[in-house]
C-alpha cells in the first residue's frame, strides 16, 4: 500500500528524499543507481569504515596512502591516483563536457557519476586510473543504458 503525502507534507520532506527521486531520472541501470545512492548517503565501504569494523588492516587511502580513506577524500581531494598529465586531461575533458552539455545537466551528472564509478572500480581492482579506461567505461555504460532503454521502450540515452 503506497502512502500518499499531502501537499504540505511534500513541501516539508527532508532534502535527501527529494534527491532520491531525482536519482532515477539520471540513469536506468540499477548498478549505477545503487552506486549513486551509496555516494549520496555516504555508505560506500571505504578503508576507514572497513578498518573500524576489523575488515581492513589500515584505514589509509588506496591511492595516496597518506590520509584516511573517507568518501570525501577519495572522490574529491585525493591526489595520489594520477600523474599531472592525467589530471590535465580530466580537467580538459570536464571543461569540454561542461561546454557541450551545459544545457543538459542530467547528462553531465551522468558522466560525473560514471567517473566516480570508474575511480571506485580502479580502487577495488587496485589499478591506477587512466584516460582510456575512463573513455571505455563511458562507452560501456552508455551502451548498457541504451539497451535498457530499448528494452523498457523509454528511448535512447540522448532522450533521457
Protein backbone atom coordinates (compact mmCIF):
# COMPACT_ATOMS: atom_id res chain seq x y z
CA UNK A 1 0.00 0.00 0.00
CA UNK A 2 1.50 3.31 -1.08
CA UNK A 3 1.09 6.19 1.33
CA UNK A 4 0.10 9.48 -0.30
CA UNK A 5 1.55 12.67 1.10
CA UNK A 6 -0.44 15.85 1.37
CA UNK A 7 0.76 18.99 -0.40
CA UNK A 8 2.06 20.37 2.91
CA UNK A 9 3.91 17.14 3.72
CA UNK A 10 5.59 17.12 0.27
CA UNK A 11 6.93 20.63 0.84
CA UNK A 12 8.40 19.68 4.21
CA UNK A 13 10.05 16.43 3.11
CA UNK A 14 13.70 16.09 4.05
CA UNK A 15 16.02 17.09 1.17
CA UNK A 16 17.50 13.58 0.88
CA UNK A 17 14.20 12.11 -0.29
CA UNK A 18 13.95 14.79 -2.99
CA UNK A 19 17.43 13.78 -4.18
CA UNK A 20 16.40 10.13 -4.21
CA UNK A 21 13.50 10.94 -6.54
CA UNK A 22 15.80 12.80 -8.96
CA UNK A 23 18.28 9.93 -8.85
CA UNK A 24 16.06 7.75 -11.01
CA UNK A 25 15.92 10.38 -13.76
CA UNK A 26 19.69 10.28 -14.31
CA UNK A 27 20.16 6.60 -15.13
CA UNK A 28 18.25 3.45 -15.93
CA UNK A 29 20.95 0.95 -14.91
CA UNK A 30 20.35 -0.47 -11.41
CA UNK A 31 24.09 -0.72 -10.57
CA UNK A 32 24.64 2.97 -11.35
CA UNK A 33 21.55 3.94 -9.34
CA UNK A 34 22.72 1.88 -6.38
CA UNK A 35 26.21 3.39 -6.55
CA UNK A 36 24.83 6.93 -6.68
CA UNK A 37 22.56 6.16 -3.72
CA UNK A 38 25.55 4.88 -1.73
CA UNK A 39 27.57 8.00 -2.57
CA UNK A 40 24.71 10.33 -1.60
CA UNK A 41 24.15 8.50 1.69
CA UNK A 42 27.92 8.05 2.38
CA UNK A 43 27.58 4.30 2.80
CA UNK A 44 30.33 3.04 0.47
CA UNK A 45 32.73 0.76 2.30
CA UNK A 46 35.89 2.84 2.32
CA UNK A 47 39.03 1.67 4.09
CA UNK A 48 38.16 3.88 7.08
CA UNK A 49 34.85 2.09 7.56
CA UNK A 50 36.33 -1.35 6.90
CA UNK A 51 39.13 -0.66 9.40
CA UNK A 52 36.63 0.34 12.10
CA UNK A 53 34.81 -2.99 11.80
CA UNK A 54 38.00 -5.05 11.50
CA UNK A 55 37.91 -5.97 7.80
CA UNK A 56 40.95 -3.92 6.80
CA UNK A 57 44.46 -3.75 8.23
CA UNK A 58 44.66 0.04 7.81
CA UNK A 59 42.42 3.00 7.10
CA UNK A 60 44.69 4.72 4.58
CA UNK A 61 43.56 5.74 1.10
CA UNK A 62 44.12 3.05 -1.54
CA UNK A 63 45.77 5.55 -3.91
CA UNK A 64 47.72 8.15 -1.95
CA UNK A 65 48.31 6.07 1.22
CA UNK A 66 48.66 9.34 3.15
CA UNK A 67 45.21 10.14 4.53
CA UNK A 68 42.37 8.07 5.95
CA UNK A 69 40.18 6.89 3.08
CA UNK A 70 36.90 8.63 3.69
CA UNK A 71 34.47 9.10 0.83
CA UNK A 72 35.02 12.85 0.56
CA UNK A 73 38.79 12.42 0.42
CA UNK A 74 38.61 9.58 -2.10
CA UNK A 75 36.26 11.25 -4.56
CA UNK A 76 37.25 14.90 -4.27
CA UNK A 77 40.61 15.59 -2.66
CA UNK A 78 42.92 12.58 -3.21
CA UNK A 79 45.96 13.46 -5.29
CA UNK A 80 47.50 10.01 -5.33
CA UNK A 81 45.84 8.39 -8.31
CA UNK A 82 47.24 10.14 -11.29
CA UNK A 83 50.01 11.92 -12.98
CA UNK A 84 49.77 15.65 -13.72
CA UNK A 85 49.16 14.71 -17.38
CA UNK A 86 46.12 12.59 -16.45
CA UNK A 87 44.79 15.36 -14.23
CA UNK A 88 45.13 17.90 -17.07
CA UNK A 89 43.33 15.51 -19.44
CA UNK A 90 40.47 15.01 -16.97
CA UNK A 91 40.20 18.77 -16.34
CA UNK A 92 40.12 19.40 -20.10
CA UNK A 93 37.50 16.66 -20.51
CA UNK A 94 35.44 18.20 -17.70
CA UNK A 95 35.57 21.66 -19.29
CA UNK A 96 34.66 20.22 -22.69
CA UNK A 97 31.74 18.25 -21.24
CA UNK A 98 30.55 21.33 -19.39
CA UNK A 99 30.60 23.44 -22.57
CA UNK A 100 28.87 20.76 -24.65
CA UNK A 101 26.38 19.63 -22.03
CA UNK A 102 25.69 22.80 -20.08
CA UNK A 103 22.05 22.74 -21.17
CA UNK A 104 21.64 19.09 -20.34
CA UNK A 105 22.60 18.73 -16.68
CA UNK A 106 21.24 15.20 -16.28
CA UNK A 107 23.71 14.02 -18.90
CA UNK A 108 26.56 15.95 -17.28
CA UNK A 109 25.59 14.44 -13.93
CA UNK A 110 25.61 11.01 -15.59
CA UNK A 111 29.20 11.48 -16.83
CA UNK A 112 30.33 12.64 -13.39
CA UNK A 113 28.63 9.62 -11.85
CA UNK A 114 30.40 7.28 -14.28
CA UNK A 115 33.71 8.97 -13.39
CA UNK A 116 33.08 8.19 -9.71
CA UNK A 117 32.22 4.59 -10.55
CA UNK A 118 35.39 4.30 -12.65
CA UNK A 119 37.55 5.58 -9.78
CA UNK A 120 35.82 3.20 -7.37
CA UNK A 121 36.38 0.26 -9.74
CA UNK A 122 40.07 1.19 -10.08
CA UNK A 123 40.35 1.28 -6.30
CA UNK A 124 38.63 -2.08 -5.97
CA UNK A 125 40.83 -3.69 -8.66
CA UNK A 126 43.97 -1.97 -7.33
CA UNK A 127 44.90 -0.30 -10.63
CA UNK A 128 45.69 3.31 -11.40
CA UNK A 129 43.01 5.12 -13.41
CA UNK A 130 43.80 6.33 -16.91
CA UNK A 131 42.02 8.36 -19.54
CA UNK A 132 41.47 5.46 -21.98
CA UNK A 133 39.95 3.32 -19.24
CA UNK A 134 37.55 6.15 -18.37
CA UNK A 135 36.53 6.54 -22.03
CA UNK A 136 35.93 2.80 -22.29
CA UNK A 137 33.81 2.86 -19.11
CA UNK A 138 31.64 5.67 -20.50
CA UNK A 139 31.10 3.79 -23.78
CA UNK A 140 30.16 0.58 -21.96
CA UNK A 141 27.75 2.37 -19.62
CA UNK A 142 26.11 4.32 -22.47
CA UNK A 143 25.61 1.08 -24.42
CA UNK A 144 24.09 -0.51 -21.33
CA UNK A 145 21.76 2.46 -20.79
CA UNK A 146 20.66 2.35 -24.44
CA UNK A 147 19.99 -1.38 -24.20
CA UNK A 148 17.94 -1.00 -21.01
CA UNK A 149 16.10 1.94 -22.56
CA UNK A 150 15.21 -0.08 -25.64
CA UNK A 151 14.01 -2.99 -23.54
CA UNK A 152 11.89 -0.65 -21.41
CA UNK A 153 10.85 1.33 -24.51
CA UNK A 154 11.99 4.54 -22.88
CA UNK A 155 14.25 5.65 -25.74
CA UNK A 156 17.94 6.15 -26.27
CA UNK A 157 20.45 7.78 -23.92
CA UNK A 158 20.05 11.20 -25.53
CA UNK A 159 16.30 11.19 -24.89
CA UNK A 160 16.52 10.77 -21.09
